[in-house]
Amino acid sequence: MSAISITHKIALKPNNKHITYFKKAFGCARLAYNWGLAKWKENYQLGIKTNHLQLKKEFNALKKSQFNFVYEVTKYATQQPFIHLNLAFNKFFRDLKKGLV
């Protein structure tokens, strides 16, 4: 039995306001991911176990003082990168355990 896959191609035609918003959201997501990655590596080198929830909590505490501009976009732009980072590290450590890395 074969599966049938149906797709719909949707073309977005954003105006300048939307383009600006997308750029801000992508920039905030990139900031959160890179900040989380640097913090995770720092904790790993110090022998401190961490997870994405701790990092997200720490990032949220810094948002008001250091990264006030992230409030201009949806909260998911800065939450989802920590979940992706967690998935990446879980895969890395799983592959390390299997001897693939």
PDB file of N, CA and C in Angstrom:
ATOM      1  N   MET A   1       0.841  -1.165   0.000  1.00  0.00           N
ATOM      2  CA  MET A   1       0.000   0.000   0.000  1.00  0.00           C
ATOM      3  C   MET A   1       0.894   1.239   0.000  1.00  0.00           C
ATOM      4  N   SER A   2       0.609   2.175  -0.856  1.00  0.00           N
ATOM      5  CA  SER A   2       1.426   3.382  -0.938  1.00  0.00           C
ATOM      6  C   SER A   2       0.655   4.577  -0.383  1.00  0.00           C
ATOM      7  N   ALA A   3       1.391   5.488   0.163  1.00  0.00           N
ATOM      8  CA  ALA A   3       0.780   6.683   0.739  1.00  0.00           C
ATOM      9  C   ALA A   3       0.693   7.774  -0.318  1.00  0.00           C
ATOM     10  N   ILE A   4      -0.366   8.506  -0.283  1.00  0.00           N
ATOM     11  CA  ILE A   4      -0.544   9.618  -1.203  1.00  0.00           C
ATOM     12  C   ILE A   4      -0.271  10.900  -0.428  1.00  0.00           C
ATOM     13  N   SER A   5       0.553  11.717  -1.009  1.00  0.00           N
ATOM     14  CA  SER A   5       0.903  12.975  -0.367  1.00  0.00           C
ATOM     15  C   SER A   5       0.353  14.127  -1.199  1.00  0.00           C
ATOM     16  N   ILE A   6      -0.384  14.988  -0.561  1.00  0.00           N
ATOM     17  CA  ILE A   6      -0.943  16.149  -1.241  1.00  0.00           C
ATOM     18  C   ILE A   6      -0.269  17.386  -0.660  1.00  0.00           C
ATOM     19  N   THR A   7       0.188  18.251  -1.528  1.00  0.00           N
ATOM     20  CA  THR A   7       0.833  19.473  -1.070  1.00  0.00           C
ATOM     21  C   THR A   7       0.134  20.679  -1.680  1.00  0.00           C
ATOM     22  N   HIS A   8       0.270  21.773  -1.001  1.00  0.00           N
ATOM     23  CA  HIS A   8      -0.252  23.044  -1.492  1.00  0.00           C
ATOM     24  C   HIS A   8       0.893  24.036  -1.455  1.00  0.00           C
ATOM     25  N   LYS A   9       1.149  24.653  -2.570  1.00  0.00           N
ATOM     26  CA  LYS A   9       2.193  25.654  -2.630  1.00  0.00           C
ATOM     27  C   LYS A   9       1.554  27.015  -2.379  1.00  0.00           C
ATOM     28  N   ILE A  10       2.084  27.724  -1.420  1.00  0.00           N
ATOM     29  CA  ILE A  10       1.541  29.031  -1.068  1.00  0.00           C
ATOM     30  C   ILE A  10       2.645  30.061  -1.232  1.00  0.00           C
ATOM     31  N   ALA A  11       2.353  31.097  -1.968  1.00  0.00           N
ATOM     32  CA  ALA A  11       3.322  32.167  -2.174  1.00  0.00           C
ATOM     33  C   ALA A  11       2.973  33.334  -1.255  1.00  0.00           C
ATOM     34  N   LEU A  12       3.929  33.735  -0.457  1.00  0.00           N
ATOM     35  CA  LEU A  12       3.731  34.900   0.402  1.00  0.00           C
ATOM     36  C   LEU A  12       4.181  36.140  -0.349  1.00  0.00           C
ATOM     37  N   LYS A  13       3.406  37.174  -0.230  1.00  0.00           N
ATOM     38  CA  LYS A  13       3.781  38.450  -0.840  1.00  0.00           C
ATOM     39  C   LYS A  13       3.741  39.520   0.248  1.00  0.00           C
ATOM     40  N   PRO A  14       4.752  39.508   1.104  1.00  0.00           N
ATOM     41  CA  PRO A  14       4.740  40.451   2.222  1.00  0.00           C
ATOM     42  C   PRO A  14       5.035  41.880   1.767  1.00  0.00           C
ATOM     43  N   ASN A  15       4.415  42.821   2.449  1.00  0.00           N
ATOM     44  CA  ASN A  15       4.741  44.220   2.178  1.00  0.00           C
ATOM     45  C   ASN A  15       5.959  44.603   3.021  1.00  0.00           C
ATOM     46  N   ASN A  16       6.370  45.846   2.941  1.00  0.00           N
ATOM     47  CA  ASN A  16       7.585  46.276   3.649  1.00  0.00           C
ATOM     48  C   ASN A  16       7.463  46.121   5.166  1.00  0.00           C
ATOM     49  N   LYS A  17       6.272  46.353   5.690  1.00  0.00           N
ATOM     50  CA  LYS A  17       6.055  46.214   7.130  1.00  0.00           C
ATOM     51  C   LYS A  17       6.238  44.757   7.565  1.00  0.00           C
ATOM     52  N   HIS A  18       5.714  43.839   6.778  1.00  0.00           N
ATOM     53  CA  HIS A  18       5.858  42.415   7.087  1.00  0.00           C
ATOM     54  C   HIS A  18       7.313  41.970   6.969  1.00  0.00           C
ATOM     55  N   ILE A  19       7.980  42.428   5.935  1.00  0.00           N
ATOM     56  CA  ILE A  19       9.393  42.063   5.736  1.00  0.00           C
ATOM     57  C   ILE A  19      10.228  42.518   6.930  1.00  0.00           C
ATOM     58  N   THR A  20       9.976  43.731   7.393  1.00  0.00           N
ATOM     59  CA  THR A  20      10.699  44.249   8.557  1.00  0.00           C
ATOM     60  C   THR A  20      10.428  43.389   9.792  1.00  0.00           C
ATOM     61  N   TYR A  21       9.166  43.011   9.991  1.00  0.00           N
ATOM     62  CA  TYR A  21       8.806  42.177  11.132  1.00  0.00           C
ATOM     63  C   TYR A  21       9.492  40.813  11.044  1.00  0.00           C
ATOM     64  N   PHE A  22       9.489  40.208   9.852  1.00  0.00           N
ATOM     65  CA  PHE A  22      10.142  38.907   9.675  1.00  0.00           C
ATOM     66  C   PHE A  22      11.629  38.998   9.997  1.00  0.00           C
ATOM     67  N   LYS A  23      12.271  40.060   9.533  1.00  0.00           N
ATOM     68  CA  LYS A  23      13.703  40.228   9.801  1.00  0.00           C
ATOM     69  C   LYS A  23      13.972  40.374  11.297  1.00  0.00           C
ATOM     70  N   LYS A  24      13.110  41.120  11.979  1.00  0.00           N
ATOM     71  CA  LYS A  24      13.267  41.270  13.434  1.00  0.00           C
ATOM     72  C   LYS A  24      13.087  39.927  14.142  1.00  0.00           C
ATOM     73  N   ALA A  25      12.058  39.182  13.733  1.00  0.00           N
ATOM     74  CA  ALA A  25      11.781  37.888  14.365  1.00  0.00           C
ATOM     75  C   ALA A  25      12.922  36.908  14.120  1.00  0.00           C
ATOM     76  N   PHE A  26      13.436  36.863  12.885  1.00  0.00           N
ATOM     77  CA  PHE A  26      14.550  35.959  12.582  1.00  0.00           C
ATOM     78  C   PHE A  26      15.800  36.370  13.345  1.00  0.00           C
ATOM     79  N   GLY A  27      16.027  37.670  13.471  1.00  0.00           N
ATOM     80  CA  GLY A  27      17.182  38.156  14.225  1.00  0.00           C
ATOM     81  C   GLY A  27      17.089  37.804  15.702  1.00  0.00           C
ATOM     82  N   CYS A  28      15.898  37.926  16.268  1.00  0.00           N
ATOM     83  CA  CYS A  28      15.699  37.575  17.682  1.00  0.00           C
ATOM     84  C   CYS A  28      15.878  36.078  17.900  1.00  0.00           C
ATOM     85  N   ALA A  29      15.393  35.278  16.946  1.00  0.00           N
ATOM     86  CA  ALA A  29      15.557  33.826  17.051  1.00  0.00           C
ATOM     87  C   ALA A  29      17.038  33.453  16.971  1.00  0.00           C
ATOM     88  N   ARG A  30      17.754  34.109  16.066  1.00  0.00           N
ATOM     89  CA  ARG A  30      19.189  33.845  15.920  1.00  0.00           C
ATOM     90  C   ARG A  30      19.936  34.255  17.192  1.00  0.00           C
ATOM     91  N   LEU A  31      19.558  35.401  17.756  1.00  0.00           N
ATOM     92  CA  LEU A  31      20.176  35.865  19.000  1.00  0.00           C
ATOM     93  C   LEU A  31      19.952  34.854  20.122  1.00  0.00           C
ATOM     94  N   ALA A  32      18.725  34.391  20.278  1.00  0.00           N
ATOM     95  CA  ALA A  32      18.407  33.445  21.351  1.00  0.00           C
ATOM     96  C   ALA A  32      19.177  32.138  21.167  1.00  0.00           C
ATOM     97  N   TYR A  33      19.238  31.631  19.934  1.00  0.00           N
ATOM     98  CA  TYR A  33      19.942  30.373  19.671  1.00  0.00           C
ATOM     99  C   TYR A  33      21.436  30.524  19.965  1.00  0.00           C
ATOM    100  N   ASN A  34      22.043  31.581  19.439  1.00  0.00           N
ATOM    101  CA  ASN A  34      23.482  31.778  19.637  1.00  0.00           C
ATOM    102  C   ASN A  34      23.820  32.042  21.106  1.00  0.00           C
ATOM    103  N   TRP A  35      22.973  32.793  21.801  1.00  0.00           N
ATOM    104  CA  TRP A  35      23.190  33.032  23.226  1.00  0.00           C
ATOM    105  C   TRP A  35      23.094  31.713  23.987  1.00  0.00           C
ATOM    106  N   GLY A  36      22.070  30.921  23.682  1.00  0.00           N
ATOM    107  CA  GLY A  36      21.890  29.636  24.353  1.00  0.00           C
ATOM    108  C   GLY A  36      23.034  28.678  24.073  1.00  0.00           C
ATOM    109  N   LEU A  37      23.502  28.665  22.836  1.00  0.00           N
ATOM    110  CA  LEU A  37      24.621  27.793  22.465  1.00  0.00           C
ATOM    111  C   LEU A  37      25.888  28.179  23.225  1.00  0.00           C
ATOM    112  N   ALA A  38      26.175  29.472  23.287  1.00  0.00           N
ATOM    113  CA  ALA A  38      27.368  29.932  24.010  1.00  0.00           C
ATOM    114  C   ALA A  38      27.269  29.595  25.498  1.00  0.00           C
ATOM    115  N   LYS A  39      26.099  29.804  26.067  1.00  0.00           N
ATOM    116  CA  LYS A  39      25.905  29.519  27.492  1.00  0.00           C
ATOM    117  C   LYS A  39      26.006  28.016  27.772  1.00  0.00           C
ATOM    118  N   TRP A  40      25.430  27.204  26.877  1.00  0.00           N
ATOM    119  CA  TRP A  40      25.465  25.747  27.044  1.00  0.00           C
ATOM    120  C   TRP A  40      26.914  25.253  26.985  1.00  0.00           C
ATOM    121  N   LYS A  41      27.681  25.767  26.020  1.00  0.00           N
ATOM    122  CA  LYS A  41      29.090  25.370  25.901  1.00  0.00           C
ATOM    123  C   LYS A  41      29.881  25.791  27.136  1.00  0.00           C
ATOM    124  N   GLU A  42      29.616  26.995  27.614  1.00  0.00           N
ATOM    125  CA  GLU A  42      30.304  27.493  28.806  1.00  0.00           C
ATOM    126  C   GLU A  42      30.005  26.602  30.015  1.00  0.00           C
ATOM    127  N   ASN A  43      28.746  26.263  30.210  1.00  0.00           N
ATOM    128  CA  ASN A  43      28.364  25.389  31.322  1.00  0.00           C
ATOM    129  C   ASN A  43      28.956  23.995  31.161  1.00  0.00           C
ATOM    130  N   TYR A  44      28.990  23.489  29.933  1.00  0.00           N
ATOM    131  CA  TYR A  44      29.534  22.156  29.662  1.00  0.00           C
ATOM    132  C   TYR A  44      31.021  22.100  30.018  1.00  0.00           C
ATOM    133  N   GLN A  45      31.759  23.160  29.663  1.00  0.00           N
ATOM    134  CA  GLN A  45      33.190  23.199  29.970  1.00  0.00           C
ATOM    135  C   GLN A  45      33.443  23.312  31.470  1.00  0.00           C
ATOM    136  N   LEU A  46      32.510  23.938  32.181  1.00  0.00           N
ATOM    137  CA  LEU A  46      32.643  24.055  33.633  1.00  0.00           C
ATOM    138  C   LEU A  46      32.119  22.825  34.364  1.00  0.00           C
ATOM    139  N   GLY A  47      31.559  21.876  33.609  1.00  0.00           N
ATOM    140  CA  GLY A  47      31.037  20.656  34.203  1.00  0.00           C
ATOM    141  C   GLY A  47      29.647  20.808  34.794  1.00  0.00           C
ATOM    142  N   ILE A  48      28.953  21.861  34.397  1.00  0.00           N
ATOM    143  CA  ILE A  48      27.602  22.111  34.903  1.00  0.00           C
ATOM    144  C   ILE A  48      26.594  21.541  33.918  1.00  0.00           C
ATOM    145  N   LYS A  49      25.722  20.667  34.411  1.00  0.00           N
ATOM    146  CA  LYS A  49      24.664  20.134  33.548  1.00  0.00           C
ATOM    147  C   LYS A  49      23.567  21.180  33.424  1.00  0.00           C
ATOM    148  N   THR A  50      23.087  21.360  32.219  1.00  0.00           N
ATOM    149  CA  THR A  50      22.040  22.343  31.979  1.00  0.00           C
ATOM    150  C   THR A  50      21.034  21.780  30.990  1.00  0.00           C
ATOM    151  N   ASN A  51      19.893  22.419  30.905  1.00  0.00           N
ATOM    152  CA  ASN A  51      18.911  22.033  29.900  1.00  0.00           C
ATOM    153  C   ASN A  51      18.277  23.285  29.312  1.00  0.00           C
ATOM    154  N   HIS A  52      17.456  23.084  28.316  1.00  0.00           N
ATOM    155  CA  HIS A  52      16.897  24.232  27.607  1.00  0.00           C
ATOM    156  C   HIS A  52      15.944  25.053  28.473  1.00  0.00           C
ATOM    157  N   LEU A  53      15.306  24.436  29.439  1.00  0.00           N
ATOM    158  CA  LEU A  53      14.383  25.183  30.296  1.00  0.00           C
ATOM    159  C   LEU A  53      15.134  26.160  31.203  1.00  0.00           C
ATOM    160  N   GLN A  54      16.277  25.718  31.732  1.00  0.00           N
ATOM    161  CA  GLN A  54      17.099  26.608  32.557  1.00  0.00           C
ATOM    162  C   GLN A  54      17.624  27.777  31.726  1.00  0.00           C
ATOM    163  N   LEU A  55      18.076  27.465  30.510  1.00  0.00           N
ATOM    164  CA  LEU A  55      18.602  28.516  29.647  1.00  0.00           C
ATOM    165  C   LEU A  55      17.514  29.505  29.256  1.00  0.00           C
ATOM    166  N   LYS A  56      16.334  28.987  28.951  1.00  0.00           N
ATOM    167  CA  LYS A  56      15.225  29.863  28.573  1.00  0.00           C
ATOM    168  C   LYS A  56      14.852  30.786  29.732  1.00  0.00           C
ATOM    169  N   LYS A  57      14.855  30.243  30.943  1.00  0.00           N
ATOM    170  CA  LYS A  57      14.534  31.034  32.131  1.00  0.00           C
ATOM    171  C   LYS A  57      15.583  32.130  32.341  1.00  0.00           C
ATOM    172  N   GLU A  58      16.847  31.777  32.152  1.00  0.00           N
ATOM    173  CA  GLU A  58      17.922  32.756  32.312  1.00  0.00           C
ATOM    174  C   GLU A  58      17.854  33.835  31.232  1.00  0.00           C
ATOM    175  N   PHE A  59      17.560  33.421  30.000  1.00  0.00           N
ATOM    176  CA  PHE A  59      17.432  34.382  28.900  1.00  0.00           C
ATOM    177  C   PHE A  59      16.259  35.327  29.153  1.00  0.00           C
ATOM    178  N   ASN A  60      15.147  34.782  29.630  1.00  0.00           N
ATOM    179  CA  ASN A  60      13.980  35.616  29.916  1.00  0.00           C
ATOM    180  C   ASN A  60      14.275  36.638  31.011  1.00  0.00           C
ATOM    181  N   ALA A  61      15.126  36.277  31.958  1.00  0.00           N
ATOM    182  CA  ALA A  61      15.502  37.211  33.016  1.00  0.00           C
ATOM    183  C   ALA A  61      16.352  38.356  32.467  1.00  0.00           C
ATOM    184  N   LEU A  62      17.122  38.079  31.420  1.00  0.00           N
ATOM    185  CA  LEU A  62      17.986  39.102  30.825  1.00  0.00           C
ATOM    186  C   LEU A  62      17.274  39.961  29.787  1.00  0.00           C
ATOM    187  N   LYS A  63      16.121  39.522  29.328  1.00  0.00           N
ATOM    188  CA  LYS A  63      15.440  40.228  28.239  1.00  0.00           C
ATOM    189  C   LYS A  63      15.159  41.689  28.561  1.00  0.00           C
ATOM    190  N   LYS A  64      14.657  41.970  29.736  1.00  0.00           N
ATOM    191  CA  LYS A  64      14.291  43.350  30.071  1.00  0.00           C
ATOM    192  C   LYS A  64      15.502  44.266  30.142  1.00  0.00           C
ATOM    193  N   SER A  65      16.595  43.765  30.684  1.00  0.00           N
ATOM    194  CA  SER A  65      17.760  44.628  30.877  1.00  0.00           C
ATOM    195  C   SER A  65      18.656  44.711  29.643  1.00  0.00           C
ATOM    196  N   GLN A  66      18.887  43.597  28.960  1.00  0.00           N
ATOM    197  CA  GLN A  66      19.850  43.590  27.859  1.00  0.00           C
ATOM    198  C   GLN A  66      19.235  43.490  26.472  1.00  0.00           C
ATOM    199  N   PHE A  67      18.134  42.778  26.349  1.00  0.00           N
ATOM    200  CA  PHE A  67      17.556  42.515  25.030  1.00  0.00           C
ATOM    201  C   PHE A  67      16.113  43.006  24.963  1.00  0.00           C
ATOM    202  N   ASN A  68      15.895  44.260  25.283  1.00  0.00           N
ATOM    203  CA  ASN A  68      14.549  44.816  25.345  1.00  0.00           C
ATOM    204  C   ASN A  68      13.827  44.761  23.998  1.00  0.00           C
ATOM    205  N   PHE A  69      14.568  44.778  22.912  1.00  0.00           N
ATOM    206  CA  PHE A  69      13.978  44.793  21.570  1.00  0.00           C
ATOM    207  C   PHE A  69      13.255  43.501  21.212  1.00  0.00           C
ATOM    208  N   VAL A  70      13.484  42.415  21.935  1.00  0.00           N
ATOM    209  CA  VAL A  70      12.807  41.159  21.598  1.00  0.00           C
ATOM    210  C   VAL A  70      11.317  41.213  21.908  1.00  0.00           C
ATOM    211  N   TYR A  71      10.888  42.208  22.658  1.00  0.00           N
ATOM    212  CA  TYR A  71       9.461  42.355  22.942  1.00  0.00           C
ATOM    213  C   TYR A  71       8.692  42.882  21.731  1.00  0.00           C
ATOM    214  N   GLU A  72       9.392  43.272  20.675  1.00  0.00           N
ATOM    215  CA  GLU A  72       8.741  43.767  19.463  1.00  0.00           C
ATOM    216  C   GLU A  72       8.203  42.632  18.597  1.00  0.00           C
ATOM    217  N   VAL A  73       8.605  41.403  18.879  1.00  0.00           N
ATOM    218  CA  VAL A  73       8.165  40.257  18.073  1.00  0.00           C
ATOM    219  C   VAL A  73       7.472  39.235  18.977  1.00  0.00           C
ATOM    220  N   THR A  74       6.904  38.221  18.372  1.00  0.00           N
ATOM    221  CA  THR A  74       6.207  37.179  19.117  1.00  0.00           C
ATOM    222  C   THR A  74       7.158  36.466  20.075  1.00  0.00           C
ATOM    223  N   LYS A  75       6.614  36.006  21.181  1.00  0.00           N
ATOM    224  CA  LYS A  75       7.446  35.338  22.191  1.00  0.00           C
ATOM    225  C   LYS A  75       8.026  34.028  21.676  1.00  0.00           C
ATOM    226  N   TYR A  76       7.383  33.438  20.686  1.00  0.00           N
ATOM    227  CA  TYR A  76       7.846  32.155  20.155  1.00  0.00           C
ATOM    228  C   TYR A  76       9.158  32.292  19.382  1.00  0.00           C
ATOM    229  N   ALA A  77       9.460  33.508  18.922  1.00  0.00           N
ATOM    230  CA  ALA A  77      10.715  33.726  18.205  1.00  0.00           C
ATOM    231  C   ALA A  77      11.913  33.507  19.117  1.00  0.00           C
ATOM    232  N   THR A  78      11.737  33.716  20.413  1.00  0.00           N
ATOM    233  CA  THR A  78      12.850  33.504  21.346  1.00  0.00           C
ATOM    234  C   THR A  78      12.682  32.252  22.193  1.00  0.00           C
ATOM    235  N   GLN A  79      11.566  31.561  22.100  1.00  0.00           N
ATOM    236  CA  GLN A  79      11.379  30.322  22.859  1.00  0.00           C
ATOM    237  C   GLN A  79      11.758  29.096  22.044  1.00  0.00           C
ATOM    238  N   GLN A  80      11.365  29.070  20.795  1.00  0.00           N
ATOM    239  CA  GLN A  80      11.592  27.897  19.952  1.00  0.00           C
ATOM    240  C   GLN A  80      13.077  27.581  19.739  1.00  0.00           C
ATOM    241  N   PRO A  81      13.959  28.586  19.607  1.00  0.00           N
ATOM    242  CA  PRO A  81      15.381  28.252  19.446  1.00  0.00           C
ATOM    243  C   PRO A  81      15.961  27.411  20.579  1.00  0.00           C
ATOM    244  N   PHE A  82      15.468  27.575  21.796  1.00  0.00           N
ATOM    245  CA  PHE A  82      15.965  26.774  22.914  1.00  0.00           C
ATOM    246  C   PHE A  82      15.526  25.318  22.781  1.00  0.00           C
ATOM    247  N   ILE A  83      14.350  25.101  22.235  1.00  0.00           N
ATOM    248  CA  ILE A  83      13.880  23.733  21.992  1.00  0.00           C
ATOM    249  C   ILE A  83      14.726  23.085  20.900  1.00  0.00           C
ATOM    250  N   HIS A  84      15.027  23.841  19.841  1.00  0.00           N
ATOM    251  CA  HIS A  84      15.878  23.322  18.765  1.00  0.00           C
ATOM    252  C   HIS A  84      17.284  23.030  19.277  1.00  0.00           C
ATOM    253  N   LEU A  85      17.787  23.891  20.141  1.00  0.00           N
ATOM    254  CA  LEU A  85      19.110  23.682  20.731  1.00  0.00           C
ATOM    255  C   LEU A  85      19.129  22.418  21.576  1.00  0.00           C
ATOM    256  N   ASN A  86      18.080  22.188  22.331  1.00  0.00           N
ATOM    257  CA  ASN A  86      17.972  20.981  23.144  1.00  0.00           C
ATOM    258  C   ASN A  86      17.960  19.736  22.262  1.00  0.00           C
ATOM    259  N   LEU A  87      17.206  19.773  21.172  1.00  0.00           N
ATOM    260  CA  LEU A  87      17.168  18.638  20.248  1.00  0.00           C
ATOM    261  C   LEU A  87      18.546  18.375  19.641  1.00  0.00           C
ATOM    262  N   ALA A  88      19.252  19.449  19.285  1.00  0.00           N
ATOM    263  CA  ALA A  88      20.581  19.300  18.692  1.00  0.00           C
ATOM    264  C   ALA A  88      21.560  18.664  19.682  1.00  0.00           C
ATOM    265  N   PHE A  89      21.550  19.119  20.929  1.00  0.00           N
ATOM    266  CA  PHE A  89      22.462  18.551  21.923  1.00  0.00           C
ATOM    267  C   PHE A  89      22.090  17.121  22.281  1.00  0.00           C
ATOM    268  N   ASN A  90      20.796  16.824  22.355  1.00  0.00           N
ATOM    269  CA  ASN A  90      20.381  15.442  22.618  1.00  0.00           C
ATOM    270  C   ASN A  90      20.869  14.515  21.518  1.00  0.00           C
ATOM    271  N   LYS A  91      20.753  14.951  20.270  1.00  0.00           N
ATOM    272  CA  LYS A  91      21.228  14.145  19.144  1.00  0.00           C
ATOM    273  C   LYS A  91      22.748  13.988  19.207  1.00  0.00           C
ATOM    274  N   PHE A  92      23.454  15.072  19.536  1.00  0.00           N
ATOM    275  CA  PHE A  92      24.910  15.019  19.626  1.00  0.00           C
ATOM    276  C   PHE A  92      25.355  14.008  20.683  1.00  0.00           C
ATOM    277  N   PHE A  93      24.776  14.083  21.877  1.00  0.00           N
ATOM    278  CA  PHE A  93      25.187  13.177  22.951  1.00  0.00           C
ATOM    279  C   PHE A  93      24.761  11.737  22.675  1.00  0.00           C
ATOM    280  N   ARG A  94      23.631  11.556  22.001  1.00  0.00           N
ATOM    281  CA  ARG A  94      23.195  10.207  21.624  1.00  0.00           C
ATOM    282  C   ARG A  94      24.177   9.615  20.606  1.00  0.00           C
ATOM    283  N   ASP A  95      24.567  10.417  19.611  1.00  0.00           N
ATOM    284  CA  ASP A  95      25.532   9.946  18.619  1.00  0.00           C
ATOM    285  C   ASP A  95      26.909   9.735  19.237  1.00  0.00           C
ATOM    286  N   LEU A  96      27.276  10.572  20.208  1.00  0.00           N
ATOM    287  CA  LEU A  96      28.551  10.415  20.903  1.00  0.00           C
ATOM    288  C   LEU A  96      28.578   9.095  21.667  1.00  0.00           C
ATOM    289  N   LYS A  97      27.466   8.762  22.288  1.00  0.00           N
ATOM    290  CA  LYS A  97      27.358   7.513  23.042  1.00  0.00           C
ATOM    291  C   LYS A  97      27.462   6.301  22.117  1.00  0.00           C
ATOM    292  N   LYS A  98      26.907   6.425  20.906  1.00  0.00           N
ATOM    293  CA  LYS A  98      26.956   5.337  19.930  1.00  0.00           C
ATOM    294  C   LYS A  98      28.304   5.249  19.220  1.00  0.00           C
ATOM    295  N   GLY A  99      29.152   6.258  19.410  1.00  0.00           N
ATOM    296  CA  GLY A  99      30.452   6.270  18.757  1.00  0.00           C
ATOM    297  C   GLY A  99      30.415   6.805  17.339  1.00  0.00           C
ATOM    298  N   LEU A 100      29.370   7.527  16.991  1.00  0.00           N
ATOM    299  CA  LEU A 100      29.241   8.075  15.646  1.00  0.00           C
ATOM    300  C   LEU A 100      29.917   9.432  15.492  1.00  0.00           C
ATOM    301  N   VAL A 101      30.243  10.058  16.616  1.00  0.00           N
ATOM    302  CA  VAL A 101      30.871  11.387  16.565  1.00  0.00           C
ATOM    303  C   VAL A 101      32.318  11.266  16.967  1.00  0.00           C
TER     304      VAL A 101
END
